[in-house]
Protein backbone atom coordinates (compact mmCIF):
# COMPACT_ATOMS: atom_id res chain seq x y z
CA UNK A 1 -34.58 32.26 -0.41
CA UNK A 2 -32.24 31.46 1.67
CA UNK A 3 -33.08 27.85 3.76
CA UNK A 4 -31.37 27.35 7.41
CA UNK A 5 -28.65 25.02 7.59
CA UNK A 6 -28.88 21.76 9.72
CA UNK A 7 -27.38 21.22 12.70
CA UNK A 8 -25.67 17.83 11.58
CA UNK A 9 -24.67 20.10 8.70
CA UNK A 10 -22.86 23.17 11.25
CA UNK A 11 -21.68 20.52 13.43
CA UNK A 12 -19.64 19.20 10.07
CA UNK A 13 -18.19 21.88 8.80
CA UNK A 14 -17.28 22.57 12.59
CA UNK A 15 -15.38 19.42 13.08
CA UNK A 16 -13.84 19.69 9.34
CA UNK A 17 -12.72 23.53 10.30
CA UNK A 18 -10.89 21.60 14.03
CA UNK A 19 -9.27 19.26 11.98
CA UNK A 20 -7.90 21.06 9.06
CA UNK A 21 -6.91 23.26 11.99
CA UNK A 22 -4.70 20.51 13.90
CA UNK A 23 -3.03 20.23 10.71
CA UNK A 24 -2.14 23.00 9.26
CA UNK A 25 1.52 23.56 8.92
CA UNK A 26 1.98 19.25 9.31
CA UNK A 27 4.00 17.92 6.36
CA UNK A 28 2.74 14.64 5.42
CA UNK A 29 4.61 12.28 7.30
CA UNK A 30 3.35 14.40 10.39
CA UNK A 31 0.12 14.13 9.14
CA UNK A 32 -0.11 9.94 8.95
CA UNK A 33 1.29 9.72 12.01
CA UNK A 34 -1.67 12.20 13.35
CA UNK A 35 -4.56 9.69 12.13
CA UNK A 36 -2.18 6.60 13.12
CA UNK A 37 -2.45 7.58 16.62
CA UNK A 38 -6.33 8.77 16.68
CA UNK A 39 -7.49 6.42 14.80
CA UNK A 40 -5.70 3.79 17.80
CA UNK A 41 -7.23 6.37 20.20
CA UNK A 42 -10.73 6.09 19.04
CA UNK A 43 -9.78 1.97 18.28
CA UNK A 44 -9.55 1.32 21.78
CA UNK A 45 -12.16 3.67 22.93
CA UNK A 46 -14.62 1.01 20.62
CA UNK A 47 -12.93 -1.75 22.47
CA UNK A 48 -13.48 -0.55 26.11
CA UNK A 49 -17.55 0.37 25.84
CA UNK A 50 -18.72 -3.02 24.85
């Protein structure tokens, strides 16, 4: 019996596939820069909403 995967699991998997696609072919240093920029962007967004 196969159960249908929940929408949140599907969303999580598609998100991780997207990030993997963005990071493919990047060096370790480029990946660190990517996450640094994304983290700063997220923090700015969170502080602007408060």
